[in-house]
C-alpha atoms as a PDB file:
ATOM      1  CA  MET A   1      50.136 153.980 172.063  1.00  0.00           C
ATOM      2  CA  ASN A   2      50.144 153.867 168.206  1.00  0.00           C
ATOM      3  CA  PRO A   3      46.361 153.062 167.541  1.00  0.00           C
ATOM      4  CA  VAL A   4      47.258 150.625 164.787  1.00  0.00           C
ATOM      5  CA  ILE A   5      49.504 148.639 167.034  1.00  0.00           C
ATOM      6  CA  ASP A   6      46.973 148.750 169.836  1.00  0.00           C
ATOM      7  CA  THR A   7      44.384 147.423 167.443  1.00  0.00           C
ATOM      8  CA  ILE A   8      46.564 144.558 166.594  1.00  0.00           C
ATOM      9  CA  LEU A   9      47.623 143.584 169.964  1.00  0.00           C
ATOM     10  CA  LYS A  10      43.950 143.627 171.344  1.00  0.00           C
ATOM     11  CA  ARG A  11      42.636 141.379 168.609  1.00  0.00           C
ATOM     12  CA  ARG A  12      41.178 137.917 169.355  1.00  0.00           C
ATOM     13  CA  SER A  13      39.008 135.523 167.438  1.00  0.00           C
ATOM     14  CA  VAL A  14      35.335 136.048 167.905  1.00  0.00           C
ATOM     15  CA  ARG A  15      32.871 133.328 167.404  1.00  0.00           C
ATOM     16  CA  ALA A  16      29.831 134.841 169.078  1.00  0.00           C
ATOM     17  CA  TYR A  17      28.075 137.991 167.624  1.00  0.00           C
ATOM     18  CA  GLU A  18      25.480 140.358 168.530  1.00  0.00           C
ATOM     19  CA  GLU A  19      22.205 140.087 166.674  1.00  0.00           C
ATOM     20  CA  LYS A  20      22.962 143.148 164.792  1.00  0.00           C
ATOM     21  CA  SER A  21      23.630 143.734 161.066  1.00  0.00           C
ATOM     22  CA  ILE A  22      26.664 145.426 159.750  1.00  0.00           C
ATOM     23  CA  GLU A  23      25.888 148.793 158.426  1.00  0.00           C
ATOM     24  CA  THR A  24      26.443 149.329 154.613  1.00  0.00           C
ATOM     25  CA  GLU A  25      28.937 152.084 155.120  1.00  0.00           C
ATOM     26  CA  ILE A  26      31.147 149.797 157.429  1.00  0.00           C
ATOM     27  CA  ARG A  27      30.890 147.093 154.858  1.00  0.00           C
ATOM     28  CA  GLU A  28      32.108 149.366 152.167  1.00  0.00           C
ATOM     29  CA  GLU A  29      34.865 150.704 154.354  1.00  0.00           C
ATOM     30  CA  LEU A  30      36.050 147.102 155.214  1.00  0.00           C
ATOM     31  CA  LEU A  31      36.033 146.047 151.561  1.00  0.00           C
ATOM     32  CA  LEU A  32      38.008 149.471 150.493  1.00  0.00           C
ATOM     33  CA  ALA A  33      40.676 148.603 153.094  1.00  0.00           C
ATOM     34  CA  THR A  34      40.902 144.939 152.034  1.00  0.00           C
ATOM     35  CA  LEU A  35      41.500 145.929 148.369  1.00  0.00           C
ATOM     36  CA  ARG A  36      44.457 148.011 149.322  1.00  0.00           C
ATOM     37  CA  ALA A  37      46.155 144.830 150.686  1.00  0.00           C
ATOM     38  CA  PRO A  38      49.812 144.384 149.464  1.00  0.00           C
ATOM     39  CA  THR A  39      49.791 142.022 146.312  1.00  0.00           C
ATOM     40  CA  ALA A  40      52.394 140.441 144.209  1.00  0.00           C
ATOM     41  CA  GLY A  41      53.136 142.520 141.150  1.00  0.00           C
ATOM     42  CA  ASN A  42      49.815 144.320 141.695  1.00  0.00           C
ATOM     43  CA  LEU A  43      48.111 141.354 140.010  1.00  0.00           C
ATOM     44  CA  MET A  44      45.615 140.933 142.892  1.00  0.00           C
ATOM     45  CA  LEU A  45      45.660 137.068 142.605  1.00  0.00           C
ATOM     46  CA  TYR A  46      42.593 136.527 144.676  1.00  0.00           C
ATOM     47  CA  SER A  47      38.878 136.974 144.713  1.00  0.00           C
ATOM     48  CA  ILE A  48      36.304 137.396 147.458  1.00  0.00           C
ATOM     49  CA  VAL A  49      32.881 135.783 147.604  1.00  0.00           C
ATOM     50  CA  GLU A  50      30.405 137.266 149.964  1.00  0.00           C
ATOM     51  CA  VAL A  51      28.160 134.614 151.381  1.00  0.00           C
ATOM     52  CA  THR A  52      24.617 136.174 151.865  1.00  0.00           C
ATOM     53  CA  ASP A  53      22.541 132.852 151.176  1.00  0.00           C
ATOM     54  CA  GLN A  54      21.592 131.427 154.500  1.00  0.00           C
ATOM     55  CA  ARG A  55      21.346 128.004 152.971  1.00  0.00           C
ATOM     56  CA  ILE A  56      24.962 128.118 151.992  1.00  0.00           C
ATOM     57  CA  LYS A  57      25.924 129.394 155.512  1.00  0.00           C
ATOM     58  CA  ASP A  58      24.060 126.558 156.892  1.00  0.00           C
ATOM     59  CA  LYS A  59      25.801 124.012 154.707  1.00  0.00           C
ATOM     60  CA  LEU A  60      29.152 125.575 155.512  1.00  0.00           C
ATOM     61  CA  VAL A  61      28.521 124.818 159.227  1.00  0.00           C
ATOM     62  CA  ASN A  62      28.717 121.066 158.411  1.00  0.00           C
ATOM     63  CA  THR A  63      31.421 121.230 155.648  1.00  0.00           C
ATOM     64  CA  CYS A  64      33.763 123.112 157.705  1.00  0.00           C
ATOM     65  CA  ASP A  65      34.020 120.841 160.665  1.00  0.00           C
ATOM     66  CA  ASN A  66      30.808 121.552 162.391  1.00  0.00           C
ATOM     67  CA  GLN A  67      31.165 125.271 163.469  1.00  0.00           C
ATOM     68  CA  PRO A  68      27.484 126.580 164.104  1.00  0.00           C
ATOM     69  CA  PHE A  69      28.623 130.192 164.567  1.00  0.00           C
ATOM     70  CA  ILE A  70      29.299 130.251 160.746  1.00  0.00           C
ATOM     71  CA  ALA A  71      25.594 130.290 160.119  1.00  0.00           C
ATOM     72  CA  ARG A  72      24.932 133.128 162.677  1.00  0.00           C
ATOM     73  CA  ALA A  73      27.742 135.474 161.510  1.00  0.00           C
ATOM     74  CA  PRO A  74      26.360 138.630 159.930  1.00  0.00           C
ATOM     75  CA  LEU A  75      29.184 138.703 157.294  1.00  0.00           C
ATOM     76  CA  VAL A  76      30.892 135.871 155.646  1.00  0.00           C
ATOM     77  CA  TRP A  77      33.633 136.257 153.126  1.00  0.00           C
ATOM     78  CA  LEU A  78      35.355 133.583 151.288  1.00  0.00           C
ATOM     79  CA  PHE A  79      38.890 134.297 150.048  1.00  0.00           C
ATOM     80  CA  LEU A  80      40.040 132.474 146.932  1.00  0.00           C
ATOM     81  CA  ALA A  81      43.462 132.159 145.577  1.00  0.00           C
ATOM     82  CA  ASP A  82      42.583 133.084 141.925  1.00  0.00           C
ATOM     83  CA  TYR A  83      44.698 132.735 138.792  1.00  0.00           C
ATOM     84  CA  GLN A  84      41.647 131.912 136.580  1.00  0.00           C
ATOM     85  CA  ARG A  85      40.986 135.592 136.049  1.00  0.00           C
ATOM     86  CA  TRP A  86      44.485 136.136 134.605  1.00  0.00           C
ATOM     87  CA  ILE A  87      44.377 132.887 132.454  1.00  0.00           C
ATOM     88  CA  ASP A  88      41.036 134.060 131.125  1.00  0.00           C
ATOM     89  CA  TYR A  89      42.372 137.465 130.333  1.00  0.00           C
ATOM     90  CA  PHE A  90      45.515 136.059 128.635  1.00  0.00           C
ATOM     91  CA  ILE A  91      43.178 134.032 126.363  1.00  0.00           C
ATOM     92  CA  ALA A  92      40.890 137.030 125.734  1.00  0.00           C
ATOM     93  CA  CYS A  93      44.231 139.059 124.786  1.00  0.00           C
ATOM     94  CA  GLY A  94      45.264 136.311 122.336  1.00  0.00           C
ATOM     95  CA  VAL A  95      48.237 135.117 124.233  1.00  0.00           C
ATOM     96  CA  ASP A  96      47.606 131.642 122.988  1.00  0.00           C
ATOM     97  CA  GLN A  97      47.882 132.819 119.392  1.00  0.00           C
ATOM     98  CA  LEU A  98      51.050 134.811 120.172  1.00  0.00           C
ATOM     99  CA  CYS A  99      52.452 131.585 121.728  1.00  0.00           C
ATOM    100  CA  GLU A 100      51.696 129.686 118.351  1.00  0.00           C
ATOM    101  CA  GLN A 101      53.414 132.479 116.407  1.00  0.00           C
ATOM    102  CA  LYS A 102      56.458 132.308 118.566  1.00  0.00           C
ATOM    103  CA  LYS A 103      56.211 128.374 118.503  1.00  0.00           C
ATOM    104  CA  THR A 104      55.874 128.109 122.216  1.00  0.00           C
ATOM    105  CA  THR A 105      53.318 126.549 124.479  1.00  0.00           C
ATOM    106  CA  LEU A 106      50.945 128.721 126.517  1.00  0.00           C
ATOM    107  CA  ARG A 107      52.230 128.213 130.167  1.00  0.00           C
ATOM    108  CA  LYS A 108      49.511 127.252 132.453  1.00  0.00           C
ATOM    109  CA  PRO A 109      49.532 128.170 136.355  1.00  0.00           C
ATOM    110  CA  GLN A 110      51.817 125.696 138.325  1.00  0.00           C
ATOM    111  CA  GLU A 111      52.405 125.027 141.885  1.00  0.00           C
ATOM    112  CA  GLY A 112      54.423 128.122 142.485  1.00  0.00           C
ATOM    113  CA  ASP A 113      51.848 130.218 140.998  1.00  0.00           C
ATOM    114  CA  LEU A 114      49.319 128.665 143.383  1.00  0.00           C
ATOM    115  CA  PHE A 115      51.474 129.350 146.404  1.00  0.00           C
ATOM    116  CA  LEU A 116      51.887 132.962 145.324  1.00  0.00           C
ATOM    117  CA  ALA A 117      48.040 133.349 144.858  1.00  0.00           C
ATOM    118  CA  CYS A 118      47.493 131.912 148.226  1.00  0.00           C
ATOM    119  CA  CYS A 119      49.772 134.542 149.809  1.00  0.00           C
ATOM    120  CA  ASP A 120      47.869 137.265 148.066  1.00  0.00           C
ATOM    121  CA  ALA A 121      44.526 135.923 149.291  1.00  0.00           C
ATOM    122  CA  LEU A 122      45.814 135.462 152.779  1.00  0.00           C
ATOM    123  CA  ILE A 123      47.419 138.953 152.986  1.00  0.00           C
ATOM    124  CA  ALA A 124      44.102 140.522 151.778  1.00  0.00           C
ATOM    125  CA  ALA A 125      42.214 138.409 154.326  1.00  0.00           C
ATOM    126  CA  GLN A 126      44.488 139.675 157.251  1.00  0.00           C
ATOM    127  CA  THR A 127      44.247 143.195 156.035  1.00  0.00           C
ATOM    128  CA  ALA A 128      40.393 142.795 156.292  1.00  0.00           C
ATOM    129  CA  VAL A 129      40.887 141.270 159.891  1.00  0.00           C
ATOM    130  CA  ILE A 130      42.653 144.430 160.981  1.00  0.00           C
ATOM    131  CA  ALA A 131      40.354 146.874 159.360  1.00  0.00           C
ATOM    132  CA  ALA A 132      37.346 145.059 160.904  1.00  0.00           C
ATOM    133  CA  GLU A 133      38.945 145.235 164.343  1.00  0.00           C
ATOM    134  CA  SER A 134      39.493 149.013 163.909  1.00  0.00           C
ATOM    135  CA  LEU A 135      35.811 149.383 162.880  1.00  0.00           C
ATOM    136  CA  GLY A 136      34.563 147.651 166.158  1.00  0.00           C
ATOM    137  CA  LEU A 137      34.005 144.222 164.351  1.00  0.00           C
ATOM    138  CA  GLY A 138      35.298 140.810 165.464  1.00  0.00           C
ATOM    139  CA  SER A 139      36.387 138.104 163.131  1.00  0.00           C
ATOM    140  CA  CYS A 140      37.234 134.471 162.881  1.00  0.00           C
ATOM    141  CA  TYR A 141      39.295 132.595 160.366  1.00  0.00           C
ATOM    142  CA  ILE A 142      37.810 129.247 159.122  1.00  0.00           C
ATOM    143  CA  GLY A 143      40.705 127.254 157.790  1.00  0.00           C
ATOM    144  CA  ASP A 144      38.358 124.171 157.375  1.00  0.00           C
ATOM    145  CA  ILE A 145      37.229 125.591 154.097  1.00  0.00           C
ATOM    146  CA  MET A 146      40.066 123.689 152.490  1.00  0.00           C
ATOM    147  CA  GLU A 147      38.302 120.517 153.381  1.00  0.00           C
ATOM    148  CA  ASN A 148      35.611 118.870 151.232  1.00  0.00           C
ATOM    149  CA  TYR A 149      37.040 120.474 148.046  1.00  0.00           C
ATOM    150  CA  GLU A 150      34.619 118.721 145.752  1.00  0.00           C
ATOM    151  CA  VAL A 151      31.581 120.010 147.711  1.00  0.00           C
ATOM    152  CA  HIS A 152      32.944 123.641 147.887  1.00  0.00           C
ATOM    153  CA  ARG A 153      33.856 123.561 144.239  1.00  0.00           C
ATOM    154  CA  GLU A 154      30.335 122.803 143.230  1.00  0.00           C
ATOM    155  CA  LEU A 155      28.924 125.144 146.116  1.00  0.00           C
ATOM    156  CA  PHE A 156      30.768 128.206 144.877  1.00  0.00           C
ATOM    157  CA  ASN A 157      31.168 127.215 140.988  1.00  0.00           C
ATOM    158  CA  LEU A 158      34.836 127.166 141.366  1.00  0.00           C
ATOM    159  CA  PRO A 159      36.850 126.913 138.061  1.00  0.00           C
ATOM    160  CA  LYS A 160      40.186 124.870 137.847  1.00  0.00           C
ATOM    161  CA  TYR A 161      42.578 127.768 138.684  1.00  0.00           C
ATOM    162  CA  VAL A 162      40.721 128.852 141.863  1.00  0.00           C
ATOM    163  CA  PHE A 163      41.408 127.646 145.456  1.00  0.00           C
ATOM    164  CA  PRO A 164      39.289 128.271 148.648  1.00  0.00           C
ATOM    165  CA  ILE A 165      42.141 129.218 151.022  1.00  0.00           C
ATOM    166  CA  CYS A 166      40.171 130.670 153.925  1.00  0.00           C
ATOM    167  CA  LEU A 167      36.737 131.784 155.146  1.00  0.00           C
ATOM    168  CA  LEU A 168      36.390 134.788 157.405  1.00  0.00           C
ATOM    169  CA  CYS A 169      33.389 135.482 159.660  1.00  0.00           C
ATOM    170  CA  PHE A 170      32.622 139.106 160.894  1.00  0.00           C
ATOM    171  CA  GLY A 171      30.240 140.613 163.372  1.00  0.00           C
ATOM    172  CA  TYR A 172      29.850 142.797 166.412  1.00  0.00           C
ATOM    173  CA  PRO A 173      31.375 140.755 169.291  1.00  0.00           C
ATOM    174  CA  THR A 174      29.126 140.192 172.327  1.00  0.00           C
ATOM    175  CA  LEU A 175      30.182 141.398 175.701  1.00  0.00           C
ATOM    176  CA  GLN A 176      31.511 138.001 176.854  1.00  0.00           C
ATOM    177  CA  GLN A 177      33.674 137.981 173.645  1.00  0.00           C
ATOM    178  CA  LYS A 178      35.163 141.423 174.311  1.00  0.00           C
ATOM    179  CA  GLU A 179      36.027 140.572 177.872  1.00  0.00           C
ATOM    180  CA  ARG A 180      37.353 136.998 177.103  1.00  0.00           C
ATOM    181  CA  GLU A 181      41.043 136.588 177.917  1.00  0.00           C
ATOM    182  CA  GLN A 182      43.308 136.519 175.043  1.00  0.00           C
ATOM    183  CA  THR A 183      45.058 133.360 174.071  1.00  0.00           C
ATOM    184  CA  ARG A 184      48.850 133.156 174.799  1.00  0.00           C
ATOM    185  CA  ARG A 185      51.425 133.365 172.194  1.00  0.00           C
ATOM    186  CA  PHE A 186      54.908 131.658 172.229  1.00  0.00           C
ATOM    187  CA  GLN A 187      57.784 133.868 173.602  1.00  0.00           C
ATOM    188  CA  GLU A 188      59.677 135.749 170.981  1.00  0.00           C
ATOM    189  CA  LYS A 189      62.861 133.797 171.641  1.00  0.00           C
ATOM    190  CA  PHE A 190      61.204 130.617 170.190  1.00  0.00           C
ATOM    191  CA  ILE A 191      60.000 132.301 167.039  1.00  0.00           C
ATOM    192  CA  ARG A 192      62.397 134.910 165.925  1.00  0.00           C
ATOM    193  CA  PHE A 193      65.857 133.902 165.010  1.00  0.00           C
ATOM    194  CA  GLU A 194      68.815 135.895 163.607  1.00  0.00           C
ATOM    195  CA  ASN A 195      70.187 134.971 160.267  1.00  0.00           C
ATOM    196  CA  GLN A 196      69.676 131.311 160.307  1.00  0.00           C
ATOM    197  CA  TYR A 197      66.817 128.989 161.465  1.00  0.00           C
ATOM    198  CA  ARG A 198      67.391 127.252 164.910  1.00  0.00           C
ATOM    199  CA  GLN A 199      65.748 123.951 165.713  1.00  0.00           C
ATOM    200  CA  LEU A 200      64.460 123.956 169.220  1.00  0.00           C
ATOM    201  CA  THR A 201      65.790 121.578 171.907  1.00  0.00           C
ATOM    202  CA  ARG A 202      63.880 119.339 174.485  1.00  0.00           C
ATOM    203  CA  GLU A 203      64.873 121.948 177.021  1.00  0.00           C
ATOM    204  CA  ASP A 204      63.391 124.710 174.862  1.00  0.00           C
ATOM    205  CA  PHE A 205      60.057 122.839 174.510  1.00  0.00           C
ATOM    206  CA  GLU A 206      59.849 122.272 178.260  1.00  0.00           C
ATOM    207  CA  GLU A 207      60.196 126.091 178.801  1.00  0.00           C
ATOM    208  CA  MET A 208      57.959 126.827 175.973  1.00  0.00           C
ATOM    209  CA  PHE A 209      55.034 124.677 176.947  1.00  0.00           C
ATOM    210  CA  ARG A 210      55.470 124.685 180.777  1.00  0.00           C
ATOM    211  CA  GLU A 211      52.665 127.098 181.553  1.00  0.00           C
ATOM    212  CA  THR A 212      50.478 125.629 178.788  1.00  0.00           C
ATOM    213  CA  HIS A 213      50.853 122.167 180.271  1.00  0.00           C
ATOM    214  CA  ALA A 214      49.985 123.505 183.735  1.00  0.00           C
ATOM    215  CA  GLN A 215      46.796 125.248 182.613  1.00  0.00           C
ATOM    216  CA  THR A 216      45.661 122.426 180.422  1.00  0.00           C
ATOM    217  CA  PHE A 217      46.322 119.305 182.657  1.00  0.00           C
ATOM    218  CA  HIS A 218      45.647 120.991 186.178  1.00  0.00           C
ATOM    219  CA  GLY A 219      47.462 118.279 187.807  1.00  0.00           C
ATOM    220  CA  ARG A 220      45.814 115.482 185.936  1.00  0.00           C
ATOM    221  CA  GLU A 221      48.061 112.668 184.804  1.00  0.00           C
ATOM    222  CA  GLU A 222      46.666 112.493 181.415  1.00  0.00           C
ATOM    223  CA  ILE A 223      43.847 113.647 178.959  1.00  0.00           C
ATOM    224  CA  MET A 224      42.525 111.450 176.189  1.00  0.00           C
ATOM    225  CA  GLY A 225      45.419 109.180 176.808  1.00  0.00           C
ATOM    226  CA  ALA A 226      47.975 112.014 176.293  1.00  0.00           C
ATOM    227  CA  ARG A 227      50.434 112.856 179.068  1.00  0.00           C
ATOM    228  CA  ASN A 228      51.714 116.323 177.706  1.00  0.00           C
ATOM    229  CA  VAL A 229      50.627 119.042 175.334  1.00  0.00           C
ATOM    230  CA  GLY A 230      52.458 117.694 172.380  1.00  0.00           C
ATOM    231  CA  GLN A 231      50.672 114.430 172.543  1.00  0.00           C
ATOM    232  CA  LEU A 232      47.310 116.120 173.049  1.00  0.00           C
ATOM    233  CA  ILE A 233      47.773 118.516 170.109  1.00  0.00           C
ATOM    234  CA  TYR A 234      48.817 115.437 167.888  1.00  0.00           C
ATOM    235  CA  ALA A 235      45.640 113.677 168.935  1.00  0.00           C
ATOM    236  CA  ARG A 236      43.176 116.579 168.842  1.00  0.00           C
ATOM    237  CA  LYS A 237      44.516 118.464 165.845  1.00  0.00           C
ATOM    238  CA  PHE A 238      47.431 117.073 163.837  1.00  0.00           C
ATOM    239  CA  ASN A 239      46.139 113.573 163.608  1.00  0.00           C
ATOM    240  CA  ALA A 240      42.467 114.308 163.834  1.00  0.00           C
ATOM    241  CA  LYS A 241      39.784 113.425 161.226  1.00  0.00           C
ATOM    242  CA  PHE A 242      39.330 116.871 160.068  1.00  0.00           C
ATOM    243  CA  SER A 243      43.027 117.319 159.572  1.00  0.00           C
ATOM    244  CA  LYS A 244      43.257 114.053 157.441  1.00  0.00           C
ATOM    245  CA  GLU A 245      40.325 115.244 155.308  1.00  0.00           C
ATOM    246  CA  MET A 246      42.065 118.741 154.832  1.00  0.00           C
ATOM    247  CA  ASN A 247      45.131 117.044 153.432  1.00  0.00           C
ATOM    248  CA  ARG A 248      43.027 114.720 151.236  1.00  0.00           C
ATOM    249  CA  SER A 249      41.223 117.718 149.794  1.00  0.00           C
ATOM    250  CA  VAL A 250      44.302 119.878 149.179  1.00  0.00           C
ATOM    251  CA  ARG A 251      45.907 116.975 147.415  1.00  0.00           C
ATOM    252  CA  ALA A 252      42.745 116.786 145.260  1.00  0.00           C
ATOM    253  CA  ILE A 253      43.021 120.357 144.630  1.00  0.00           C
ATOM    254  CA  LEU A 254      46.787 120.214 143.724  1.00  0.00           C
ATOM    255  CA  LYS A 255      46.006 117.458 141.360  1.00  0.00           C
ATOM    256  CA  ALA A 256      43.312 119.382 139.672  1.00  0.00           C
ATOM    257  CA  TRP A 257      45.569 122.468 139.423  1.00  0.00           C
ATOM    258  CA  ALA A 258      48.590 120.849 138.078  1.00  0.00           C
ATOM    259  CA  LYS A 259      46.592 118.452 135.572  1.00  0.00           C
ATOM    260  CA  LYS A 260      47.591 119.273 131.916  1.00  0.00           C
END
């Protein structure tokens, strides 16, 4: 099999790491690969903060929905959607003066710019994930970094046009993690469509979640008051406290970003 495809197909999230530091040459190779990620217009609309301060890692355990393995990860990278660098460069180049001469207003980053920067940052993060896997490292995404914006803004000294889109933990996986069964993915027919989007029917959903329902409920009538996978996911994830905080936090970020 193609070794790249093999690496992608074998990858799984790793939340337990050997008590082993990551060699300098491996870190450098990982960063080199990450910086070659595709990027919009070669603008590289992202920055990476390597978190080495144990006190910060310990704090992230709590601010990222109580995930203790963050504190134990040998390598933690924060990926930031970053338009601040370009705005600062525009000012340094006198773009504001050019706008005055042309009797126009200096345009500030808007919602579309934020989305583009988020794409850049996430593409770089996923490039890092695949590179890490090929180097024998495990990784895990922490989307909860989007919660508690005010705390994380202060913790990492984030200016206006910088958005913490994801945190990544890296380390050498334990034997148990290496042997752990991969999580299932939805069948292709429910994900890939031709030419136009297709909304799924009740029958599609029944087929889509039949095996998941059986494995989750094990013949039980209900869990947490839920009688099927949809009700359970709604209660545990979509309508959970952490999800509500994430949405509150992202609204605060968007408000700050778009403020004149």
